[in-house]
Amino acid sequence: MIDWTQVTALRDQIGANEMDEVIALFIEEVEEVTERLRRSRATSNLEHDLHFLKSCALNLGFSDFSALCQTGERMARQGQADQVDIPQMLHSYSKSKACFLAQKDSVLAA
């Protein structure tokens, strides 16, 4: 679900003091897009939104969520945006976020 190796690599790259700010920004930006997806089934920007979510998720180690976004992005690009399972994607984000927030302090302290 979470690629902790990626998370610790990011911490090492940007510095431990910056991680809380990066995490807060990640959550804020991702939740803005996921809320838009939750409210609207409009597919005009779906490929772009899923590309954005995939990239953000990869950077912070949300591997399962990123994989679902990648699949959805590919489907949207191929004209199958109406078949993308947005609820599954949103559920994966919620589970990943809960797991991340529950474990981040102990993992990042190591």
PDB file of N, CA and C in Angstrom:
ATOM      1  N   MET A   1       0.824  -1.193   0.000  1.00  0.00           N
ATOM      2  CA  MET A   1       0.000   0.000   0.000  1.00  0.00           C
ATOM      3  C   MET A   1       0.870   1.259   0.000  1.00  0.00           C
ATOM      4  N   ILE A   2       1.838   1.318   0.951  1.00  0.00           N
ATOM      5  CA  ILE A   2       2.757   2.450   1.025  1.00  0.00           C
ATOM      6  C   ILE A   2       4.167   1.942   0.755  1.00  0.00           C
ATOM      7  N   ASP A   3       4.858   2.617  -0.130  1.00  0.00           N
ATOM      8  CA  ASP A   3       6.254   2.308  -0.422  1.00  0.00           C
ATOM      9  C   ASP A   3       7.112   3.152   0.519  1.00  0.00           C
ATOM     10  N   TRP A   4       7.406   2.580   1.682  1.00  0.00           N
ATOM     11  CA  TRP A   4       8.140   3.329   2.705  1.00  0.00           C
ATOM     12  C   TRP A   4       9.562   3.636   2.274  1.00  0.00           C
ATOM     13  N   THR A   5      10.127   2.836   1.385  1.00  0.00           N
ATOM     14  CA  THR A   5      11.455   3.136   0.851  1.00  0.00           C
ATOM     15  C   THR A   5      11.425   4.458   0.100  1.00  0.00           C
ATOM     16  N   GLN A   6      10.374   4.686  -0.677  1.00  0.00           N
ATOM     17  CA  GLN A   6      10.211   5.953  -1.389  1.00  0.00           C
ATOM     18  C   GLN A   6      10.040   7.105  -0.402  1.00  0.00           C
ATOM     19  N   VAL A   7       9.275   6.878   0.636  1.00  0.00           N
ATOM     20  CA  VAL A   7       9.025   7.929   1.635  1.00  0.00           C
ATOM     21  C   VAL A   7      10.327   8.320   2.324  1.00  0.00           C
ATOM     22  N   THR A   8      11.103   7.341   2.740  1.00  0.00           N
ATOM     23  CA  THR A   8      12.361   7.671   3.423  1.00  0.00           C
ATOM     24  C   THR A   8      13.373   8.276   2.455  1.00  0.00           C
ATOM     25  N   ALA A   9      13.354   7.859   1.201  1.00  0.00           N
ATOM     26  CA  ALA A   9      14.234   8.472   0.200  1.00  0.00           C
ATOM     27  C   ALA A   9      13.867   9.941  -0.002  1.00  0.00           C
ATOM     28  N   LEU A  10      12.576  10.233  -0.031  1.00  0.00           N
ATOM     29  CA  LEU A  10      12.129  11.624  -0.153  1.00  0.00           C
ATOM     30  C   LEU A  10      12.584  12.428   1.059  1.00  0.00           C
ATOM     31  N   ARG A  11      12.419  11.863   2.246  1.00  0.00           N
ATOM     32  CA  ARG A  11      12.868  12.541   3.468  1.00  0.00           C
ATOM     33  C   ARG A  11      14.359  12.838   3.407  1.00  0.00           C
ATOM     34  N   ASP A  12      15.133  11.861   2.956  1.00  0.00           N
ATOM     35  CA  ASP A  12      16.579  12.042   2.865  1.00  0.00           C
ATOM     36  C   ASP A  12      16.945  13.103   1.829  1.00  0.00           C
ATOM     37  N   GLN A  13      16.153  13.185   0.780  1.00  0.00           N
ATOM     38  CA  GLN A  13      16.413  14.148  -0.294  1.00  0.00           C
ATOM     39  C   GLN A  13      16.073  15.577   0.126  1.00  0.00           C
ATOM     40  N   ILE A  14      14.929  15.767   0.765  1.00  0.00           N
ATOM     41  CA  ILE A  14      14.487  17.135   1.088  1.00  0.00           C
ATOM     42  C   ILE A  14      14.838  17.556   2.505  1.00  0.00           C
ATOM     43  N   GLY A  15      15.122  16.595   3.354  1.00  0.00           N
ATOM     44  CA  GLY A  15      15.439  16.885   4.749  1.00  0.00           C
ATOM     45  C   GLY A  15      14.254  16.622   5.652  1.00  0.00           C
ATOM     46  N   ALA A  16      14.547  16.107   6.823  1.00  0.00           N
ATOM     47  CA  ALA A  16      13.496  15.736   7.775  1.00  0.00           C
ATOM     48  C   ALA A  16      12.652  16.932   8.190  1.00  0.00           C
ATOM     49  N   ASN A  17      13.264  18.107   8.267  1.00  0.00           N
ATOM     50  CA  ASN A  17      12.528  19.302   8.696  1.00  0.00           C
ATOM     51  C   ASN A  17      11.454  19.729   7.706  1.00  0.00           C
ATOM     52  N   GLU A  18      11.606  19.359   6.453  1.00  0.00           N
ATOM     53  CA  GLU A  18      10.653  19.763   5.410  1.00  0.00           C
ATOM     54  C   GLU A  18       9.533  18.746   5.192  1.00  0.00           C
ATOM     55  N   MET A  19       9.665  17.554   5.744  1.00  0.00           N
ATOM     56  CA  MET A  19       8.699  16.485   5.445  1.00  0.00           C
ATOM     57  C   MET A  19       7.271  16.829   5.848  1.00  0.00           C
ATOM     58  N   ASP A  20       7.080  17.399   7.023  1.00  0.00           N
ATOM     59  CA  ASP A  20       5.717  17.714   7.454  1.00  0.00           C
ATOM     60  C   ASP A  20       5.044  18.683   6.494  1.00  0.00           C
ATOM     61  N   GLU A  21       5.798  19.662   6.008  1.00  0.00           N
ATOM     62  CA  GLU A  21       5.238  20.625   5.057  1.00  0.00           C
ATOM     63  C   GLU A  21       4.897  19.949   3.731  1.00  0.00           C
ATOM     64  N   VAL A  22       5.776  19.079   3.261  1.00  0.00           N
ATOM     65  CA  VAL A  22       5.529  18.356   2.008  1.00  0.00           C
ATOM     66  C   VAL A  22       4.307  17.451   2.151  1.00  0.00           C
ATOM     67  N   ILE A  23       4.189  16.766   3.267  1.00  0.00           N
ATOM     68  CA  ILE A  23       3.042  15.882   3.505  1.00  0.00           C
ATOM     69  C   ILE A  23       1.749  16.690   3.537  1.00  0.00           C
ATOM     70  N   ALA A  24       1.761  17.813   4.241  1.00  0.00           N
ATOM     71  CA  ALA A  24       0.561  18.658   4.323  1.00  0.00           C
ATOM     72  C   ALA A  24       0.167  19.180   2.949  1.00  0.00           C
ATOM     73  N   LEU A  25       1.143  19.606   2.151  1.00  0.00           N
ATOM     74  CA  LEU A  25       0.861  20.107   0.808  1.00  0.00           C
ATOM     75  C   LEU A  25       0.319  18.993  -0.077  1.00  0.00           C
ATOM     76  N   PHE A  26       0.914  17.808   0.025  1.00  0.00           N
ATOM     77  CA  PHE A  26       0.448  16.653  -0.736  1.00  0.00           C
ATOM     78  C   PHE A  26      -1.020  16.369  -0.428  1.00  0.00           C
ATOM     79  N   ILE A  27      -1.341  16.273   0.846  1.00  0.00           N
ATOM     80  CA  ILE A  27      -2.716  15.962   1.242  1.00  0.00           C
ATOM     81  C   ILE A  27      -3.670  17.051   0.767  1.00  0.00           C
ATOM     82  N   GLU A  28      -3.287  18.304   0.928  1.00  0.00           N
ATOM     83  CA  GLU A  28      -4.148  19.410   0.496  1.00  0.00           C
ATOM     84  C   GLU A  28      -4.425  19.351  -1.005  1.00  0.00           C
ATOM     85  N   GLU A  29      -3.379  19.175  -1.803  1.00  0.00           N
ATOM     86  CA  GLU A  29      -3.544  19.161  -3.259  1.00  0.00           C
ATOM     87  C   GLU A  29      -4.299  17.926  -3.737  1.00  0.00           C
ATOM     88  N   VAL A  30      -3.978  16.781  -3.179  1.00  0.00           N
ATOM     89  CA  VAL A  30      -4.654  15.546  -3.590  1.00  0.00           C
ATOM     90  C   VAL A  30      -6.125  15.589  -3.189  1.00  0.00           C
ATOM     91  N   GLU A  31      -6.413  16.087  -2.004  1.00  0.00           N
ATOM     92  CA  GLU A  31      -7.810  16.121  -1.568  1.00  0.00           C
ATOM     93  C   GLU A  31      -8.640  17.129  -2.355  1.00  0.00           C
ATOM     94  N   GLU A  32      -8.012  18.161  -2.862  1.00  0.00           N
ATOM     95  CA  GLU A  32      -8.730  19.092  -3.736  1.00  0.00           C
ATOM     96  C   GLU A  32      -9.203  18.364  -4.993  1.00  0.00           C
ATOM     97  N   VAL A  33      -8.323  17.570  -5.578  1.00  0.00           N
ATOM     98  CA  VAL A  33      -8.676  16.837  -6.800  1.00  0.00           C
ATOM     99  C   VAL A  33      -9.627  15.685  -6.487  1.00  0.00           C
ATOM    100  N   THR A  34      -9.379  14.938  -5.415  1.00  0.00           N
ATOM    101  CA  THR A  34     -10.274  13.818  -5.106  1.00  0.00           C
ATOM    102  C   THR A  34     -11.674  14.316  -4.760  1.00  0.00           C
ATOM    103  N   GLU A  35     -11.767  15.460  -4.122  1.00  0.00           N
ATOM    104  CA  GLU A  35     -13.094  16.022  -3.821  1.00  0.00           C
ATOM    105  C   GLU A  35     -13.816  16.396  -5.112  1.00  0.00           C
ATOM    106  N   ARG A  36     -13.082  16.947  -6.065  1.00  0.00           N
ATOM    107  CA  ARG A  36     -13.688  17.279  -7.360  1.00  0.00           C
ATOM    108  C   ARG A  36     -14.182  16.005  -8.047  1.00  0.00           C
ATOM    109  N   LEU A  37     -13.397  14.936  -7.978  1.00  0.00           N
ATOM    110  CA  LEU A  37     -13.813  13.663  -8.578  1.00  0.00           C
ATOM    111  C   LEU A  37     -15.017  13.079  -7.843  1.00  0.00           C
ATOM    112  N   ARG A  38     -15.062  13.256  -6.546  1.00  0.00           N
ATOM    113  CA  ARG A  38     -16.171  12.748  -5.734  1.00  0.00           C
ATOM    114  C   ARG A  38     -17.475  13.466  -6.092  1.00  0.00           C
ATOM    115  N   ARG A  39     -17.385  14.758  -6.325  1.00  0.00           N
ATOM    116  CA  ARG A  39     -18.574  15.577  -6.595  1.00  0.00           C
ATOM    117  C   ARG A  39     -19.088  15.445  -8.021  1.00  0.00           C
ATOM    118  N   SER A  40     -18.201  15.218  -8.963  1.00  0.00           N
ATOM    119  CA  SER A  40     -18.598  15.280 -10.365  1.00  0.00           C
ATOM    120  C   SER A  40     -18.067  14.085 -11.138  1.00  0.00           C
ATOM    121  N   ARG A  41     -18.908  13.533 -11.975  1.00  0.00           N
ATOM    122  CA  ARG A  41     -18.483  12.440 -12.856  1.00  0.00           C
ATOM    123  C   ARG A  41     -18.117  12.962 -14.240  1.00  0.00           C
ATOM    124  N   ALA A  42     -17.941  14.287 -14.359  1.00  0.00           N
ATOM    125  CA  ALA A  42     -17.514  14.858 -15.636  1.00  0.00           C
ATOM    126  C   ALA A  42     -16.156  14.267 -16.000  1.00  0.00           C
ATOM    127  N   THR A  43     -16.011  13.859 -17.236  1.00  0.00           N
ATOM    128  CA  THR A  43     -14.794  13.166 -17.642  1.00  0.00           C
ATOM    129  C   THR A  43     -13.863  14.026 -18.484  1.00  0.00           C
ATOM    130  N   SER A  44     -14.193  15.295 -18.692  1.00  0.00           N
ATOM    131  CA  SER A  44     -13.392  16.129 -19.590  1.00  0.00           C
ATOM    132  C   SER A  44     -11.955  16.307 -19.113  1.00  0.00           C
ATOM    133  N   ASN A  45     -11.717  16.384 -17.830  1.00  0.00           N
ATOM    134  CA  ASN A  45     -10.362  16.559 -17.291  1.00  0.00           C
ATOM    135  C   ASN A  45      -9.857  15.315 -16.570  1.00  0.00           C
ATOM    136  N   LEU A  46     -10.533  14.210 -16.725  1.00  0.00           N
ATOM    137  CA  LEU A  46     -10.198  13.021 -15.938  1.00  0.00           C
ATOM    138  C   LEU A  46      -8.772  12.543 -16.184  1.00  0.00           C
ATOM    139  N   GLU A  47      -8.362  12.478 -17.431  1.00  0.00           N
ATOM    140  CA  GLU A  47      -7.002  12.013 -17.725  1.00  0.00           C
ATOM    141  C   GLU A  47      -5.972  12.910 -17.035  1.00  0.00           C
ATOM    142  N   HIS A  48      -6.147  14.213 -17.129  1.00  0.00           N
ATOM    143  CA  HIS A  48      -5.235  15.169 -16.493  1.00  0.00           C
ATOM    144  C   HIS A  48      -5.246  15.003 -14.972  1.00  0.00           C
ATOM    145  N   ASP A  49      -6.441  14.923 -14.392  1.00  0.00           N
ATOM    146  CA  ASP A  49      -6.553  14.778 -12.937  1.00  0.00           C
ATOM    147  C   ASP A  49      -5.886  13.493 -12.449  1.00  0.00           C
ATOM    148  N   LEU A  50      -6.094  12.409 -13.170  1.00  0.00           N
ATOM    149  CA  LEU A  50      -5.512  11.134 -12.750  1.00  0.00           C
ATOM    150  C   LEU A  50      -3.999  11.122 -12.934  1.00  0.00           C
ATOM    151  N   HIS A  51      -3.513  11.809 -13.962  1.00  0.00           N
ATOM    152  CA  HIS A  51      -2.067  11.935 -14.139  1.00  0.00           C
ATOM    153  C   HIS A  51      -1.466  12.693 -12.955  1.00  0.00           C
ATOM    154  N   PHE A  52      -2.111  13.776 -12.568  1.00  0.00           N
ATOM    155  CA  PHE A  52      -1.661  14.564 -11.422  1.00  0.00           C
ATOM    156  C   PHE A  52      -1.655  13.716 -10.152  1.00  0.00           C
ATOM    157  N   LEU A  53      -2.753  13.008  -9.901  1.00  0.00           N
ATOM    158  CA  LEU A  53      -2.844  12.170  -8.701  1.00  0.00           C
ATOM    159  C   LEU A  53      -1.796  11.064  -8.714  1.00  0.00           C
ATOM    160  N   LYS A  54      -1.600  10.447  -9.870  1.00  0.00           N
ATOM    161  CA  LYS A  54      -0.601   9.377  -9.996  1.00  0.00           C
ATOM    162  C   LYS A  54       0.782   9.895  -9.628  1.00  0.00           C
ATOM    163  N   SER A  55       1.136  11.053 -10.164  1.00  0.00           N
ATOM    164  CA  SER A  55       2.459  11.622  -9.899  1.00  0.00           C
ATOM    165  C   SER A  55       2.638  11.975  -8.431  1.00  0.00           C
ATOM    166  N   CYS A  56       1.640  12.614  -7.855  1.00  0.00           N
ATOM    167  CA  CYS A  56       1.706  12.956  -6.430  1.00  0.00           C
ATOM    168  C   CYS A  56       1.836  11.701  -5.583  1.00  0.00           C
ATOM    169  N   ALA A  57       1.032  10.711  -5.901  1.00  0.00           N
ATOM    170  CA  ALA A  57       1.029   9.472  -5.127  1.00  0.00           C
ATOM    171  C   ALA A  57       2.374   8.759  -5.206  1.00  0.00           C
ATOM    172  N   LEU A  58       2.971   8.739  -6.381  1.00  0.00           N
ATOM    173  CA  LEU A  58       4.282   8.105  -6.525  1.00  0.00           C
ATOM    174  C   LEU A  58       5.327   8.799  -5.670  1.00  0.00           C
ATOM    175  N   ASN A  59       5.294  10.125  -5.664  1.00  0.00           N
ATOM    176  CA  ASN A  59       6.284  10.889  -4.900  1.00  0.00           C
ATOM    177  C   ASN A  59       6.223  10.599  -3.411  1.00  0.00           C
ATOM    178  N   LEU A  60       5.031  10.366  -2.887  1.00  0.00           N
ATOM    179  CA  LEU A  60       4.898  10.143  -1.449  1.00  0.00           C
ATOM    180  C   LEU A  60       4.672   8.674  -1.090  1.00  0.00           C
ATOM    181  N   GLY A  61       4.896   7.789  -2.066  1.00  0.00           N
ATOM    182  CA  GLY A  61       4.897   6.365  -1.775  1.00  0.00           C
ATOM    183  C   GLY A  61       3.538   5.693  -1.706  1.00  0.00           C
ATOM    184  N   PHE A  62       2.482   6.348  -2.172  1.00  0.00           N
ATOM    185  CA  PHE A  62       1.148   5.740  -2.172  1.00  0.00           C
ATOM    186  C   PHE A  62       1.045   4.826  -3.393  1.00  0.00           C
ATOM    187  N   SER A  63       1.701   3.686  -3.343  1.00  0.00           N
ATOM    188  CA  SER A  63       1.878   2.840  -4.522  1.00  0.00           C
ATOM    189  C   SER A  63       0.582   2.231  -5.054  1.00  0.00           C
ATOM    190  N   ASP A  64      -0.279   1.726  -4.190  1.00  0.00           N
ATOM    191  CA  ASP A  64      -1.537   1.131  -4.666  1.00  0.00           C
ATOM    192  C   ASP A  64      -2.425   2.186  -5.312  1.00  0.00           C
ATOM    193  N   PHE A  65      -2.551   3.317  -4.656  1.00  0.00           N
ATOM    194  CA  PHE A  65      -3.357   4.418  -5.188  1.00  0.00           C
ATOM    195  C   PHE A  65      -2.788   4.888  -6.524  1.00  0.00           C
ATOM    196  N   SER A  66      -1.478   5.011  -6.607  1.00  0.00           N
ATOM    197  CA  SER A  66      -0.838   5.439  -7.844  1.00  0.00           C
ATOM    198  C   SER A  66      -1.124   4.469  -8.987  1.00  0.00           C
ATOM    199  N   ALA A  67      -1.074   3.179  -8.701  1.00  0.00           N
ATOM    200  CA  ALA A  67      -1.339   2.171  -9.736  1.00  0.00           C
ATOM    201  C   ALA A  67      -2.768   2.282 -10.254  1.00  0.00           C
ATOM    202  N   LEU A  68      -3.721   2.507  -9.360  1.00  0.00           N
ATOM    203  CA  LEU A  68      -5.113   2.685  -9.793  1.00  0.00           C
ATOM    204  C   LEU A  68      -5.260   3.950 -10.638  1.00  0.00           C
ATOM    205  N   CYS A  69      -4.584   5.009 -10.246  1.00  0.00           N
ATOM    206  CA  CYS A  69      -4.632   6.252 -11.023  1.00  0.00           C
ATOM    207  C   CYS A  69      -4.027   6.047 -12.404  1.00  0.00           C
ATOM    208  N   GLN A  70      -2.937   5.290 -12.468  1.00  0.00           N
ATOM    209  CA  GLN A  70      -2.299   5.022 -13.753  1.00  0.00           C
ATOM    210  C   GLN A  70      -3.238   4.240 -14.672  1.00  0.00           C
ATOM    211  N   THR A  71      -3.901   3.242 -14.124  1.00  0.00           N
ATOM    212  CA  THR A  71      -4.863   2.471 -14.916  1.00  0.00           C
ATOM    213  C   THR A  71      -5.993   3.364 -15.401  1.00  0.00           C
ATOM    214  N   GLY A  72      -6.531   4.189 -14.511  1.00  0.00           N
ATOM    215  CA  GLY A  72      -7.604   5.106 -14.890  1.00  0.00           C
ATOM    216  C   GLY A  72      -7.159   6.128 -15.913  1.00  0.00           C
ATOM    217  N   GLU A  73      -5.950   6.627 -15.756  1.00  0.00           N
ATOM    218  CA  GLU A  73      -5.408   7.595 -16.718  1.00  0.00           C
ATOM    219  C   GLU A  73      -5.327   6.968 -18.108  1.00  0.00           C
ATOM    220  N   ARG A  74      -4.827   5.745 -18.173  1.00  0.00           N
ATOM    221  CA  ARG A  74      -4.719   5.039 -19.449  1.00  0.00           C
ATOM    222  C   ARG A  74      -6.106   4.818 -20.062  1.00  0.00           C
ATOM    223  N   MET A  75      -7.063   4.425 -19.238  1.00  0.00           N
ATOM    224  CA  MET A  75      -8.428   4.216 -19.737  1.00  0.00           C
ATOM    225  C   MET A  75      -9.007   5.522 -20.279  1.00  0.00           C
ATOM    226  N   ALA A  76      -8.807   6.610 -19.554  1.00  0.00           N
ATOM    227  CA  ALA A  76      -9.329   7.909 -20.001  1.00  0.00           C
ATOM    228  C   ALA A  76      -8.682   8.313 -21.321  1.00  0.00           C
ATOM    229  N   ARG A  77      -7.387   8.089 -21.454  1.00  0.00           N
ATOM    230  CA  ARG A  77      -6.672   8.424 -22.684  1.00  0.00           C
ATOM    231  C   ARG A  77      -7.205   7.607 -23.861  1.00  0.00           C
ATOM    232  N   GLN A  78      -7.672   6.389 -23.590  1.00  0.00           N
ATOM    233  CA  GLN A  78      -8.177   5.507 -24.642  1.00  0.00           C
ATOM    234  C   GLN A  78      -9.673   5.681 -24.888  1.00  0.00           C
ATOM    235  N   GLY A  79     -10.251   6.742 -24.320  1.00  0.00           N
ATOM    236  CA  GLY A  79     -11.665   7.024 -24.548  1.00  0.00           C
ATOM    237  C   GLY A  79     -12.615   6.241 -23.661  1.00  0.00           C
ATOM    238  N   GLN A  80     -12.115   5.670 -22.580  1.00  0.00           N
ATOM    239  CA  GLN A  80     -12.940   4.867 -21.677  1.00  0.00           C
ATOM    240  C   GLN A  80     -13.102   5.537 -20.314  1.00  0.00           C
ATOM    241  N   ALA A  81     -13.118   6.854 -20.301  1.00  0.00           N
ATOM    242  CA  ALA A  81     -13.196   7.598 -19.037  1.00  0.00           C
ATOM    243  C   ALA A  81     -14.432   7.224 -18.230  1.00  0.00           C
ATOM    244  N   ASP A  82     -15.516   6.908 -18.916  1.00  0.00           N
ATOM    245  CA  ASP A  82     -16.754   6.568 -18.215  1.00  0.00           C
ATOM    246  C   ASP A  82     -16.679   5.210 -17.511  1.00  0.00           C
ATOM    247  N   GLN A  83     -15.635   4.438 -17.794  1.00  0.00           N
ATOM    248  CA  GLN A  83     -15.471   3.123 -17.179  1.00  0.00           C
ATOM    249  C   GLN A  83     -14.467   3.118 -16.021  1.00  0.00           C
ATOM    250  N   VAL A  84     -13.852   4.268 -15.761  1.00  0.00           N
ATOM    251  CA  VAL A  84     -12.883   4.359 -14.669  1.00  0.00           C
ATOM    252  C   VAL A  84     -13.625   4.228 -13.340  1.00  0.00           C
ATOM    253  N   ASP A  85     -13.119   3.385 -12.470  1.00  0.00           N
ATOM    254  CA  ASP A  85     -13.759   3.123 -11.177  1.00  0.00           C
ATOM    255  C   ASP A  85     -13.296   4.159 -10.148  1.00  0.00           C
ATOM    256  N   ILE A  86     -13.919   5.328 -10.203  1.00  0.00           N
ATOM    257  CA  ILE A  86     -13.567   6.428  -9.300  1.00  0.00           C
ATOM    258  C   ILE A  86     -13.790   6.036  -7.831  1.00  0.00           C
ATOM    259  N   PRO A  87     -14.913   5.416  -7.470  1.00  0.00           N
ATOM    260  CA  PRO A  87     -15.092   5.037  -6.060  1.00  0.00           C
ATOM    261  C   PRO A  87     -13.970   4.137  -5.532  1.00  0.00           C
ATOM    262  N   GLN A  88     -13.521   3.180  -6.335  1.00  0.00           N
ATOM    263  CA  GLN A  88     -12.421   2.314  -5.913  1.00  0.00           C
ATOM    264  C   GLN A  88     -11.153   3.136  -5.690  1.00  0.00           C
ATOM    265  N   MET A  89     -10.895   4.072  -6.584  1.00  0.00           N
ATOM    266  CA  MET A  89      -9.723   4.926  -6.480  1.00  0.00           C
ATOM    267  C   MET A  89      -9.775   5.778  -5.209  1.00  0.00           C
ATOM    268  N   LEU A  90     -10.930   6.364  -4.959  1.00  0.00           N
ATOM    269  CA  LEU A  90     -11.092   7.209  -3.774  1.00  0.00           C
ATOM    270  C   LEU A  90     -10.964   6.390  -2.492  1.00  0.00           C
ATOM    271  N   HIS A  91     -11.486   5.176  -2.507  1.00  0.00           N
ATOM    272  CA  HIS A  91     -11.359   4.282  -1.354  1.00  0.00           C
ATOM    273  C   HIS A  91      -9.884   3.930  -1.113  1.00  0.00           C
ATOM    274  N   SER A  92      -9.167   3.663  -2.188  1.00  0.00           N
ATOM    275  CA  SER A  92      -7.746   3.352  -2.066  1.00  0.00           C
ATOM    276  C   SER A  92      -6.985   4.532  -1.474  1.00  0.00           C
ATOM    277  N   TYR A  93      -7.314   5.737  -1.910  1.00  0.00           N
ATOM    278  CA  TYR A  93      -6.658   6.924  -1.350  1.00  0.00           C
ATOM    279  C   TYR A  93      -6.944   7.032   0.149  1.00  0.00           C
ATOM    280  N   SER A  94      -8.197   6.859   0.533  1.00  0.00           N
ATOM    281  CA  SER A  94      -8.561   6.965   1.955  1.00  0.00           C
ATOM    282  C   SER A  94      -7.814   5.938   2.801  1.00  0.00           C
ATOM    283  N   LYS A  95      -7.760   4.697   2.322  1.00  0.00           N
ATOM    284  CA  LYS A  95      -7.041   3.648   3.052  1.00  0.00           C
ATOM    285  C   LYS A  95      -5.547   3.945   3.110  1.00  0.00           C
ATOM    286  N   SER A  96      -4.990   4.379   1.993  1.00  0.00           N
ATOM    287  CA  SER A  96      -3.562   4.692   1.938  1.00  0.00           C
ATOM    288  C   SER A  96      -3.221   5.848   2.865  1.00  0.00           C
ATOM    289  N   LYS A  97      -4.048   6.868   2.849  1.00  0.00           N
ATOM    290  CA  LYS A  97      -3.816   8.037   3.705  1.00  0.00           C
ATOM    291  C   LYS A  97      -3.863   7.629   5.178  1.00  0.00           C
ATOM    292  N   ALA A  98      -4.851   6.836   5.556  1.00  0.00           N
ATOM    293  CA  ALA A  98      -4.969   6.396   6.947  1.00  0.00           C
ATOM    294  C   ALA A  98      -3.747   5.578   7.360  1.00  0.00           C
ATOM    295  N   CYS A  99      -3.322   4.670   6.523  1.00  0.00           N
ATOM    296  CA  CYS A  99      -2.142   3.849   6.795  1.00  0.00           C
ATOM    297  C   CYS A  99      -0.899   4.729   6.918  1.00  0.00           C
ATOM    298  N   PHE A 100      -0.746   5.648   5.981  1.00  0.00           N
ATOM    299  CA  PHE A 100       0.409   6.541   5.976  1.00  0.00           C
ATOM    300  C   PHE A 100       0.469   7.372   7.250  1.00  0.00           C
ATOM    301  N   LEU A 101      -0.639   8.011   7.581  1.00  0.00           N
ATOM    302  CA  LEU A 101      -0.657   8.885   8.756  1.00  0.00           C
ATOM    303  C   LEU A 101      -0.456   8.107  10.056  1.00  0.00           C
ATOM    304  N   ALA A 102      -0.944   6.877  10.097  1.00  0.00           N
ATOM    305  CA  ALA A 102      -0.790   6.059  11.302  1.00  0.00           C
ATOM    306  C   ALA A 102       0.650   5.599  11.519  1.00  0.00           C
ATOM    307  N   GLN A 103       1.405   5.444  10.432  1.00  0.00           N
ATOM    308  CA  GLN A 103       2.742   4.860  10.543  1.00  0.00           C
ATOM    309  C   GLN A 103       3.887   5.822  10.262  1.00  0.00           C
ATOM    310  N   LYS A 104       3.599   6.991   9.709  1.00  0.00           N
ATOM    311  CA  LYS A 104       4.667   7.873   9.231  1.00  0.00           C
ATOM    312  C   LYS A 104       5.644   8.288  10.320  1.00  0.00           C
ATOM    313  N   ASP A 105       5.156   8.612  11.499  1.00  0.00           N
ATOM    314  CA  ASP A 105       6.057   9.085  12.549  1.00  0.00           C
ATOM    315  C   ASP A 105       7.078   8.024  12.943  1.00  0.00           C
ATOM    316  N   SER A 106       6.627   6.789  13.088  1.00  0.00           N
ATOM    317  CA  SER A 106       7.568   5.734  13.479  1.00  0.00           C
ATOM    318  C   SER A 106       8.537   5.406  12.345  1.00  0.00           C
ATOM    319  N   VAL A 107       8.057   5.414  11.112  1.00  0.00           N
ATOM    320  CA  VAL A 107       8.935   5.109   9.978  1.00  0.00           C
ATOM    321  C   VAL A 107       9.943   6.233   9.766  1.00  0.00           C
ATOM    322  N   LEU A 108       9.484   7.460   9.811  1.00  0.00           N
ATOM    323  CA  LEU A 108      10.372   8.588   9.533  1.00  0.00           C
ATOM    324  C   LEU A 108      11.334   8.879  10.675  1.00  0.00           C
ATOM    325  N   ALA A 109      11.030   8.384  11.859  1.00  0.00           N
ATOM    326  CA  ALA A 109      11.926   8.589  12.999  1.00  0.00           C
ATOM    327  C   ALA A 109      13.148   7.673  12.927  1.00  0.00           C
ATOM    328  N   ALA A 110      13.018   6.616  12.159  1.00  0.00           N
ATOM    329  CA  ALA A 110      14.115   5.628  12.071  1.00  0.00           C
ATOM    330  C   ALA A 110      15.312   6.180  11.320  1.00  0.00           C
TER     331      ALA A 110
END
